């Protein structure tokens, strides 16, 4: 039987041989196929090692540290300046506690931090008017809420609530 470790919540997932491998983690509901998924085949000797009190593991393996340094938890480095990852994560949590909305990052599914709003003026935006439309669905100027992912630093922006309502109204009347 093959065991899988969820790359997001680090939970070992044992699947039924009749059903087959899970495509989604039953604990955190993240996708298991693809990026950073570990499939570990344990032999009979290896299964008993975690129950053996004399077994201390391989202390020479630093691959976990290399993953941490080259993975999504790596902070940008500035020469001569150290970053405390735990303090960064703690501060991120405090900021998230005070946010009304917490969209998930489309890349790594971490909650994103609200960083502010951006107004897109008319000269920076060209509206699309295709054949069935009689008017543009979104007219400038409009305001975007900007979010940054604290893990992978992806930036996403969304229409503010006022402009979302204006967009809905435009969609309803654009084809009439």
N, C-alpha and C. Protein backbone atom coordinates (compact mmCIF):
# COMPACT_ATOMS: atom_id res chain seq x y z
N UNK A 1 0.84 -1.18 0.00
CA UNK A 1 0.00 0.00 0.00
C UNK A 1 0.89 1.24 0.00
N UNK A 2 0.51 2.26 -0.77
CA UNK A 2 1.30 3.48 -0.91
C UNK A 2 0.74 4.57 0.01
N UNK A 3 1.65 5.26 0.70
CA UNK A 3 1.25 6.35 1.58
C UNK A 3 1.64 7.67 0.92
N UNK A 4 0.84 8.69 1.12
CA UNK A 4 1.11 10.01 0.59
C UNK A 4 1.13 10.99 1.75
N UNK A 5 2.05 11.96 1.70
CA UNK A 5 2.10 13.01 2.70
C UNK A 5 1.62 14.29 2.03
N UNK A 6 0.61 14.91 2.61
CA UNK A 6 0.08 16.15 2.05
C UNK A 6 1.15 17.24 2.17
N UNK A 7 1.50 17.90 1.06
CA UNK A 7 2.53 18.93 1.11
C UNK A 7 2.09 20.20 1.84
N UNK A 8 0.81 20.33 2.09
CA UNK A 8 0.30 21.55 2.71
C UNK A 8 0.16 21.41 4.22
N UNK A 9 -0.44 20.31 4.69
CA UNK A 9 -0.67 20.18 6.13
C UNK A 9 0.19 19.09 6.76
N UNK A 10 1.03 18.42 5.95
CA UNK A 10 1.97 17.40 6.42
C UNK A 10 1.27 16.19 7.04
N UNK A 11 0.04 15.93 6.66
CA UNK A 11 -0.70 14.78 7.17
C UNK A 11 -0.46 13.57 6.27
N UNK A 12 -0.19 12.43 6.88
CA UNK A 12 -0.01 11.21 6.11
C UNK A 12 -1.39 10.69 5.71
N UNK A 13 -1.56 10.42 4.43
CA UNK A 13 -2.84 9.97 3.90
C UNK A 13 -2.70 8.53 3.46
N UNK A 14 -3.44 7.66 4.08
CA UNK A 14 -3.45 6.25 3.72
C UNK A 14 -4.74 6.01 2.94
N UNK A 15 -4.61 5.53 1.72
CA UNK A 15 -5.80 5.37 0.89
C UNK A 15 -6.16 3.91 0.71
N UNK A 16 -7.40 3.68 0.41
CA UNK A 16 -7.95 2.35 0.22
C UNK A 16 -7.52 1.84 -1.16
N UNK A 17 -7.06 0.58 -1.22
CA UNK A 17 -6.58 0.01 -2.48
C UNK A 17 -7.71 -0.13 -3.50
N UNK A 18 -8.92 -0.33 -3.05
CA UNK A 18 -10.04 -0.48 -3.99
C UNK A 18 -10.43 0.85 -4.63
N UNK A 19 -10.39 1.92 -3.85
CA UNK A 19 -10.77 3.24 -4.36
C UNK A 19 -9.62 3.88 -5.11
N UNK A 20 -8.40 3.69 -4.64
CA UNK A 20 -7.23 4.29 -5.27
C UNK A 20 -6.76 5.52 -4.50
N UNK A 21 -5.74 6.19 -5.01
CA UNK A 21 -5.18 7.34 -4.30
C UNK A 21 -6.15 8.52 -4.26
N UNK A 22 -6.05 9.27 -3.18
CA UNK A 22 -6.85 10.48 -3.02
C UNK A 22 -6.34 11.55 -3.98
N UNK A 23 -7.24 12.34 -4.54
CA UNK A 23 -6.84 13.47 -5.37
C UNK A 23 -6.82 14.76 -4.56
N UNK A 24 -7.49 14.73 -3.40
CA UNK A 24 -7.57 15.90 -2.53
C UNK A 24 -7.34 15.45 -1.10
N UNK A 25 -6.61 16.25 -0.34
CA UNK A 25 -6.35 15.92 1.06
C UNK A 25 -7.65 15.96 1.84
N UNK A 26 -8.01 14.89 2.55
CA UNK A 26 -9.26 14.91 3.31
C UNK A 26 -9.21 15.83 4.53
N UNK A 27 -8.02 16.31 4.89
CA UNK A 27 -7.88 17.17 6.07
C UNK A 27 -7.92 18.66 5.71
N UNK A 28 -7.12 19.07 4.73
CA UNK A 28 -7.05 20.50 4.39
C UNK A 28 -7.66 20.82 3.03
N UNK A 29 -8.10 19.79 2.29
CA UNK A 29 -8.78 19.91 1.00
C UNK A 29 -7.92 20.55 -0.09
N UNK A 30 -6.61 20.46 0.03
CA UNK A 30 -5.72 20.93 -1.03
C UNK A 30 -5.48 19.81 -2.01
N UNK A 31 -5.17 20.16 -3.24
CA UNK A 31 -4.92 19.18 -4.29
C UNK A 31 -3.61 18.44 -4.00
N UNK A 32 -3.62 17.13 -4.19
CA UNK A 32 -2.44 16.32 -3.90
C UNK A 32 -1.60 16.01 -5.14
N UNK A 33 -2.17 16.12 -6.30
CA UNK A 33 -1.43 15.81 -7.53
C UNK A 33 -0.55 16.98 -7.89
N UNK A 34 0.63 16.71 -8.42
CA UNK A 34 1.47 17.78 -8.94
C UNK A 34 2.47 18.31 -7.95
N UNK A 35 2.50 19.60 -7.80
CA UNK A 35 3.56 20.32 -7.09
C UNK A 35 3.75 19.87 -5.64
N UNK A 36 4.96 19.51 -5.30
CA UNK A 36 5.43 19.18 -3.96
C UNK A 36 4.69 18.01 -3.30
N UNK A 37 4.19 17.09 -4.08
CA UNK A 37 3.54 15.92 -3.52
C UNK A 37 4.57 14.82 -3.32
N UNK A 38 4.57 14.22 -2.15
CA UNK A 38 5.51 13.15 -1.84
C UNK A 38 4.77 11.84 -1.75
N UNK A 39 5.20 10.86 -2.49
CA UNK A 39 4.67 9.51 -2.38
C UNK A 39 5.78 8.66 -1.78
N UNK A 40 5.53 8.08 -0.63
CA UNK A 40 6.55 7.34 0.09
C UNK A 40 6.11 5.89 0.21
N UNK A 41 6.94 4.99 -0.32
CA UNK A 41 6.67 3.57 -0.20
C UNK A 41 7.49 3.05 0.97
N UNK A 42 6.82 2.58 2.02
CA UNK A 42 7.51 2.08 3.19
C UNK A 42 7.57 0.56 3.13
N UNK A 43 8.76 0.04 3.38
CA UNK A 43 8.91 -1.40 3.48
C UNK A 43 8.56 -1.84 4.89
N UNK A 44 8.53 -3.13 5.12
CA UNK A 44 8.18 -3.63 6.45
C UNK A 44 9.17 -3.18 7.51
N UNK A 45 10.48 -3.14 7.17
CA UNK A 45 11.50 -2.71 8.13
C UNK A 45 11.33 -1.24 8.49
N UNK A 46 11.01 -0.41 7.50
CA UNK A 46 10.89 1.03 7.73
C UNK A 46 9.65 1.39 8.54
N UNK A 47 8.57 0.63 8.39
CA UNK A 47 7.33 0.93 9.11
C UNK A 47 7.52 0.84 10.62
N UNK A 48 8.41 -0.04 11.08
CA UNK A 48 8.61 -0.24 12.50
C UNK A 48 9.61 0.73 13.11
N UNK A 49 10.33 1.51 12.28
CA UNK A 49 11.36 2.40 12.79
C UNK A 49 10.81 3.50 13.69
N UNK A 50 9.62 4.02 13.37
CA UNK A 50 9.09 5.10 14.19
C UNK A 50 8.57 4.57 15.54
N UNK A 51 8.43 3.28 15.69
CA UNK A 51 8.03 2.70 16.96
C UNK A 51 9.22 2.25 17.79
N UNK A 52 10.42 2.27 17.19
CA UNK A 52 11.64 1.83 17.86
C UNK A 52 12.23 3.02 18.62
N UNK A 53 12.28 3.00 19.97
CA UNK A 53 12.79 4.14 20.73
C UNK A 53 14.29 4.37 20.53
N UNK A 54 15.02 3.39 20.05
CA UNK A 54 16.46 3.58 19.85
C UNK A 54 16.77 4.25 18.51
N UNK A 55 15.79 4.32 17.60
CA UNK A 55 16.02 4.92 16.30
C UNK A 55 15.95 6.44 16.40
N UNK A 56 17.01 7.12 15.96
CA UNK A 56 17.07 8.58 16.04
C UNK A 56 16.92 9.24 14.68
N UNK A 57 16.85 8.48 13.62
CA UNK A 57 16.71 9.05 12.30
C UNK A 57 18.05 9.41 11.71
N UNK A 58 18.04 9.87 10.49
CA UNK A 58 19.25 10.26 9.79
C UNK A 58 19.54 11.72 10.10
N UNK A 59 20.53 11.97 10.93
CA UNK A 59 20.84 13.34 11.34
C UNK A 59 21.71 14.06 10.32
N UNK A 60 22.18 13.36 9.27
CA UNK A 60 23.03 14.01 8.28
C UNK A 60 22.22 14.56 7.11
N UNK A 61 20.93 14.24 7.04
CA UNK A 61 20.10 14.68 5.93
C UNK A 61 19.63 16.11 6.16
N UNK A 62 20.09 17.04 5.33
CA UNK A 62 19.68 18.43 5.49
C UNK A 62 18.76 18.86 4.34
N UNK A 63 18.08 17.90 3.69
CA UNK A 63 17.21 18.25 2.58
C UNK A 63 16.02 19.08 3.03
N UNK A 64 15.53 18.87 4.26
CA UNK A 64 14.43 19.67 4.78
C UNK A 64 14.84 21.14 4.86
N UNK A 65 16.05 21.39 5.32
CA UNK A 65 16.56 22.76 5.41
C UNK A 65 16.72 23.36 4.01
N UNK A 66 17.18 22.55 3.05
CA UNK A 66 17.32 23.04 1.69
C UNK A 66 15.96 23.37 1.09
N UNK A 67 14.96 22.52 1.33
CA UNK A 67 13.60 22.81 0.86
C UNK A 67 13.10 24.12 1.45
N UNK A 68 13.34 24.33 2.73
CA UNK A 68 12.87 25.55 3.39
C UNK A 68 13.56 26.77 2.79
N UNK A 69 14.84 26.65 2.48
CA UNK A 69 15.57 27.78 1.92
C UNK A 69 15.19 28.07 0.47
N UNK A 70 14.81 27.05 -0.29
CA UNK A 70 14.51 27.23 -1.70
C UNK A 70 13.02 27.20 -1.99
N UNK A 71 12.19 27.02 -0.98
CA UNK A 71 10.76 26.92 -1.18
C UNK A 71 10.04 28.25 -1.05
N UNK A 72 8.74 28.15 -0.82
CA UNK A 72 7.91 29.33 -0.75
C UNK A 72 8.11 30.13 0.53
N UNK A 73 8.72 29.52 1.56
CA UNK A 73 8.87 30.22 2.83
C UNK A 73 10.13 31.06 2.86
N UNK A 74 10.84 31.14 1.76
CA UNK A 74 12.08 31.91 1.71
C UNK A 74 11.79 33.39 1.57
N UNK A 75 12.35 34.19 2.45
CA UNK A 75 12.18 35.62 2.39
C UNK A 75 13.27 36.23 1.53
N UNK A 76 12.99 37.35 0.86
CA UNK A 76 14.04 38.00 0.08
C UNK A 76 15.19 38.38 1.00
N UNK A 77 16.41 38.28 0.49
CA UNK A 77 17.56 38.59 1.34
C UNK A 77 18.18 39.92 0.94
N UNK A 78 18.55 40.67 1.96
CA UNK A 78 19.26 41.93 1.79
C UNK A 78 20.59 41.73 2.48
N UNK A 79 21.70 42.00 1.79
CA UNK A 79 23.02 41.79 2.41
C UNK A 79 23.14 42.53 3.75
N UNK A 80 23.60 41.80 4.75
CA UNK A 80 23.81 42.38 6.08
C UNK A 80 22.55 42.47 6.92
N UNK A 81 21.42 41.95 6.42
CA UNK A 81 20.17 42.03 7.16
C UNK A 81 19.58 40.64 7.34
N UNK A 82 19.25 40.28 8.56
CA UNK A 82 18.67 38.98 8.87
C UNK A 82 17.15 39.11 9.00
N UNK A 83 16.42 38.07 8.60
CA UNK A 83 14.97 38.04 8.74
C UNK A 83 14.59 36.90 9.67
N UNK A 84 13.69 37.16 10.58
CA UNK A 84 13.18 36.13 11.48
C UNK A 84 11.86 35.63 10.90
N UNK A 85 11.88 34.41 10.35
CA UNK A 85 10.70 33.85 9.69
C UNK A 85 9.53 33.71 10.65
N UNK A 86 9.78 33.32 11.90
CA UNK A 86 8.70 33.17 12.87
C UNK A 86 8.06 34.52 13.20
N UNK A 87 8.86 35.56 13.33
CA UNK A 87 8.33 36.90 13.60
C UNK A 87 7.51 37.38 12.40
N UNK A 88 7.98 37.07 11.20
CA UNK A 88 7.26 37.45 9.98
C UNK A 88 5.90 36.76 9.94
N UNK A 89 5.86 35.46 10.22
CA UNK A 89 4.61 34.71 10.21
C UNK A 89 3.66 35.21 11.30
N UNK A 90 4.20 35.53 12.46
CA UNK A 90 3.39 36.06 13.56
C UNK A 90 2.77 37.40 13.17
N UNK A 91 3.57 38.27 12.58
CA UNK A 91 3.07 39.58 12.16
C UNK A 91 2.02 39.43 11.06
N UNK A 92 2.24 38.49 10.15
CA UNK A 92 1.27 38.24 9.10
C UNK A 92 -0.07 37.82 9.70
N UNK A 93 -0.03 36.95 10.70
CA UNK A 93 -1.25 36.51 11.36
C UNK A 93 -2.00 37.65 12.03
N UNK A 94 -1.27 38.57 12.64
CA UNK A 94 -1.91 39.71 13.30
C UNK A 94 -2.57 40.63 12.28
N UNK A 95 -1.93 40.81 11.13
CA UNK A 95 -2.54 41.64 10.08
C UNK A 95 -3.82 40.98 9.57
N UNK A 96 -3.76 39.66 9.36
CA UNK A 96 -4.93 38.94 8.85
C UNK A 96 -6.11 38.99 9.81
N UNK A 97 -5.83 39.01 11.12
CA UNK A 97 -6.91 39.07 12.11
C UNK A 97 -7.76 40.32 11.97
N UNK A 98 -7.17 41.38 11.44
CA UNK A 98 -7.88 42.65 11.33
C UNK A 98 -8.45 42.91 9.94
N UNK A 99 -8.33 41.97 9.04
CA UNK A 99 -8.86 42.13 7.69
C UNK A 99 -10.30 41.64 7.63
N UNK A 100 -11.13 42.33 6.85
CA UNK A 100 -12.51 41.89 6.65
C UNK A 100 -12.58 40.75 5.65
N UNK A 101 -11.81 40.85 4.58
CA UNK A 101 -11.78 39.81 3.56
C UNK A 101 -10.39 39.21 3.51
N UNK A 102 -10.33 37.90 3.30
CA UNK A 102 -9.05 37.20 3.20
C UNK A 102 -9.06 36.27 1.99
N UNK A 103 -8.82 36.82 0.80
CA UNK A 103 -8.78 35.93 -0.37
C UNK A 103 -7.57 35.02 -0.31
N UNK A 104 -7.73 33.83 -0.91
CA UNK A 104 -6.61 32.89 -0.98
C UNK A 104 -5.76 33.20 -2.20
N UNK A 105 -4.48 33.01 -2.06
CA UNK A 105 -3.55 33.18 -3.17
C UNK A 105 -3.85 32.10 -4.22
N UNK A 106 -3.96 32.47 -5.49
CA UNK A 106 -4.24 31.46 -6.51
C UNK A 106 -3.06 30.51 -6.76
N UNK A 107 -1.86 30.86 -6.28
CA UNK A 107 -0.69 30.02 -6.50
C UNK A 107 -0.45 29.05 -5.36
N UNK A 108 -0.45 29.54 -4.12
CA UNK A 108 -0.08 28.66 -3.00
C UNK A 108 -1.18 28.53 -1.96
N UNK A 109 -2.29 29.19 -2.14
CA UNK A 109 -3.49 29.08 -1.30
C UNK A 109 -3.31 29.64 0.11
N UNK A 110 -2.31 30.44 0.34
CA UNK A 110 -2.17 31.16 1.60
C UNK A 110 -3.14 32.33 1.58
N UNK A 111 -3.53 32.80 2.76
CA UNK A 111 -4.36 33.99 2.80
C UNK A 111 -3.52 35.21 2.43
N UNK A 112 -4.12 36.12 1.68
CA UNK A 112 -3.41 37.29 1.17
C UNK A 112 -3.65 38.49 2.07
N UNK A 113 -2.67 39.39 2.12
CA UNK A 113 -2.74 40.60 2.93
C UNK A 113 -3.24 41.77 2.08
N UNK A 114 -4.21 42.51 2.63
CA UNK A 114 -4.71 43.70 1.96
C UNK A 114 -3.67 44.80 2.11
N UNK A 115 -3.22 45.36 0.98
CA UNK A 115 -2.17 46.38 1.04
C UNK A 115 -2.66 47.77 0.67
N UNK A 116 -3.85 47.88 0.10
CA UNK A 116 -4.37 49.19 -0.23
C UNK A 116 -5.25 49.16 -1.47
N UNK A 117 -5.54 50.35 -1.98
CA UNK A 117 -6.40 50.46 -3.16
C UNK A 117 -5.67 51.23 -4.25
N UNK A 118 -6.03 50.91 -5.47
CA UNK A 118 -5.43 51.56 -6.63
C UNK A 118 -6.56 52.01 -7.54
N UNK A 119 -6.52 53.27 -7.96
CA UNK A 119 -7.50 53.79 -8.89
C UNK A 119 -6.91 53.71 -10.28
N UNK A 120 -7.64 53.06 -11.18
CA UNK A 120 -7.18 52.93 -12.55
C UNK A 120 -7.87 54.01 -13.38
N UNK A 121 -7.14 55.02 -13.80
CA UNK A 121 -7.76 56.11 -14.57
C UNK A 121 -8.10 55.67 -15.99
N UNK A 122 -8.90 56.47 -16.66
CA UNK A 122 -9.38 56.14 -18.00
C UNK A 122 -8.28 55.96 -19.02
N UNK A 123 -7.18 56.71 -18.93
CA UNK A 123 -6.13 56.59 -19.94
C UNK A 123 -5.27 55.35 -19.77
N UNK A 124 -5.41 54.64 -18.63
CA UNK A 124 -4.64 53.42 -18.40
C UNK A 124 -5.46 52.17 -18.68
N UNK A 125 -6.69 52.35 -19.15
CA UNK A 125 -7.58 51.21 -19.35
C UNK A 125 -8.37 51.41 -20.63
N UNK A 126 -8.42 50.37 -21.46
CA UNK A 126 -9.22 50.39 -22.68
C UNK A 126 -10.32 49.36 -22.54
N UNK A 127 -11.55 49.83 -22.58
CA UNK A 127 -12.70 48.93 -22.40
C UNK A 127 -12.91 48.08 -23.65
N UNK A 128 -13.36 46.86 -23.44
CA UNK A 128 -13.64 45.93 -24.52
C UNK A 128 -15.14 45.97 -24.84
N UNK A 129 -15.46 46.21 -26.09
CA UNK A 129 -16.86 46.18 -26.53
C UNK A 129 -16.92 45.24 -27.72
N UNK A 130 -17.43 44.03 -27.50
CA UNK A 130 -17.53 43.04 -28.57
C UNK A 130 -18.93 43.08 -29.17
N UNK A 131 -19.18 42.25 -30.15
CA UNK A 131 -20.41 42.28 -30.93
C UNK A 131 -21.69 42.25 -30.08
N UNK A 132 -21.89 41.32 -29.16
CA UNK A 132 -23.19 41.33 -28.47
C UNK A 132 -23.35 42.48 -27.46
N UNK A 133 -22.25 43.15 -27.12
CA UNK A 133 -22.32 44.21 -26.12
C UNK A 133 -22.62 45.55 -26.77
N UNK A 134 -23.46 46.33 -26.10
CA UNK A 134 -23.76 47.66 -26.60
C UNK A 134 -22.97 48.72 -25.84
N UNK A 135 -22.44 48.33 -24.68
CA UNK A 135 -21.63 49.26 -23.88
C UNK A 135 -20.57 48.45 -23.15
N UNK A 136 -19.52 49.11 -22.68
CA UNK A 136 -18.46 48.37 -21.96
C UNK A 136 -18.97 47.82 -20.63
N UNK A 137 -18.43 46.66 -20.25
CA UNK A 137 -18.82 46.05 -18.98
C UNK A 137 -18.20 46.78 -17.79
N UNK A 138 -17.04 47.36 -18.00
CA UNK A 138 -16.34 48.08 -16.94
C UNK A 138 -15.80 49.37 -17.52
N UNK A 139 -16.22 50.47 -16.94
CA UNK A 139 -15.77 51.76 -17.42
C UNK A 139 -14.84 52.40 -16.41
N UNK A 140 -13.77 53.01 -16.91
CA UNK A 140 -12.83 53.70 -16.04
C UNK A 140 -13.39 55.07 -15.71
N UNK A 141 -13.01 55.63 -14.60
CA UNK A 141 -12.09 55.10 -13.60
C UNK A 141 -12.80 54.12 -12.66
N UNK A 142 -12.04 53.18 -12.15
CA UNK A 142 -12.54 52.25 -11.15
C UNK A 142 -11.43 51.98 -10.15
N UNK A 143 -11.82 51.45 -8.99
CA UNK A 143 -10.87 51.24 -7.90
C UNK A 143 -10.68 49.75 -7.66
N UNK A 144 -9.42 49.38 -7.48
CA UNK A 144 -9.07 47.98 -7.22
C UNK A 144 -8.51 47.85 -5.80
N UNK A 145 -8.91 46.80 -5.09
CA UNK A 145 -8.29 46.46 -3.82
C UNK A 145 -7.10 45.56 -4.14
N UNK A 146 -5.93 45.88 -3.59
CA UNK A 146 -4.70 45.15 -3.92
C UNK A 146 -4.31 44.27 -2.73
N UNK A 147 -4.02 43.00 -3.03
CA UNK A 147 -3.62 42.02 -2.02
C UNK A 147 -2.27 41.41 -2.42
N UNK A 148 -1.44 41.12 -1.42
CA UNK A 148 -0.15 40.49 -1.64
C UNK A 148 -0.08 39.22 -0.80
N UNK A 149 0.39 38.15 -1.39
CA UNK A 149 0.56 36.89 -0.66
C UNK A 149 1.84 36.96 0.17
N UNK A 150 1.74 36.68 1.47
CA UNK A 150 2.94 36.75 2.31
C UNK A 150 3.88 35.56 2.11
N UNK A 151 3.43 34.51 1.42
CA UNK A 151 4.28 33.34 1.21
C UNK A 151 5.04 33.39 -0.11
N UNK A 152 4.32 33.64 -1.21
CA UNK A 152 4.98 33.63 -2.53
C UNK A 152 5.05 35.02 -3.15
N UNK A 153 4.49 36.02 -2.50
CA UNK A 153 4.54 37.42 -2.92
C UNK A 153 3.81 37.69 -4.23
N UNK A 154 2.83 36.84 -4.56
CA UNK A 154 1.97 37.07 -5.71
C UNK A 154 1.05 38.24 -5.39
N UNK A 155 0.81 39.10 -6.37
CA UNK A 155 -0.07 40.25 -6.19
C UNK A 155 -1.36 40.01 -6.96
N UNK A 156 -2.50 40.22 -6.29
CA UNK A 156 -3.80 40.11 -6.92
C UNK A 156 -4.59 41.37 -6.62
N UNK A 157 -5.45 41.72 -7.54
CA UNK A 157 -6.31 42.88 -7.30
C UNK A 157 -7.74 42.53 -7.68
N UNK A 158 -8.67 43.13 -6.94
CA UNK A 158 -10.09 42.88 -7.12
C UNK A 158 -10.82 44.21 -7.14
N UNK A 159 -11.92 44.25 -7.88
CA UNK A 159 -12.75 45.45 -7.86
C UNK A 159 -13.26 45.70 -6.44
N UNK A 160 -13.33 46.96 -6.05
CA UNK A 160 -13.92 47.28 -4.75
C UNK A 160 -15.41 46.97 -4.81
N UNK A 161 -16.04 46.90 -3.66
CA UNK A 161 -17.46 46.52 -3.60
C UNK A 161 -18.33 47.47 -4.43
N UNK A 162 -18.04 48.75 -4.36
CA UNK A 162 -18.82 49.75 -5.12
C UNK A 162 -18.70 49.48 -6.62
N UNK A 163 -17.49 49.22 -7.09
CA UNK A 163 -17.30 48.96 -8.51
C UNK A 163 -17.78 47.57 -8.91
N UNK A 164 -17.82 46.62 -7.99
CA UNK A 164 -18.41 45.31 -8.28
C UNK A 164 -19.89 45.47 -8.58
N UNK A 165 -20.58 46.28 -7.77
CA UNK A 165 -22.02 46.52 -7.99
C UNK A 165 -22.25 47.23 -9.33
N UNK A 166 -21.38 48.18 -9.65
CA UNK A 166 -21.48 48.89 -10.92
C UNK A 166 -21.25 47.92 -12.08
N UNK A 167 -20.30 46.99 -11.93
CA UNK A 167 -20.02 45.98 -12.94
C UNK A 167 -21.24 45.08 -13.17
N UNK A 168 -21.86 44.62 -12.08
CA UNK A 168 -23.05 43.76 -12.19
C UNK A 168 -24.15 44.48 -12.95
N UNK A 169 -24.37 45.74 -12.63
CA UNK A 169 -25.40 46.53 -13.31
C UNK A 169 -25.06 46.67 -14.79
N UNK A 170 -23.78 46.92 -15.12
CA UNK A 170 -23.36 47.04 -16.52
C UNK A 170 -23.55 45.75 -17.30
N UNK A 171 -23.27 44.61 -16.67
CA UNK A 171 -23.45 43.32 -17.34
C UNK A 171 -24.91 43.09 -17.63
N UNK A 172 -25.77 43.44 -16.69
CA UNK A 172 -27.21 43.23 -16.88
C UNK A 172 -27.77 44.10 -18.00
N UNK A 173 -27.21 45.28 -18.20
CA UNK A 173 -27.76 46.20 -19.20
C UNK A 173 -26.96 46.24 -20.51
N UNK A 174 -25.82 45.59 -20.59
CA UNK A 174 -24.95 45.69 -21.76
C UNK A 174 -25.53 45.04 -23.00
N UNK A 175 -26.35 44.03 -22.87
CA UNK A 175 -26.85 43.29 -24.03
C UNK A 175 -28.27 43.70 -24.37
N UNK A 176 -28.94 44.40 -23.51
CA UNK A 176 -30.34 44.79 -23.76
C UNK A 176 -30.50 45.67 -24.95
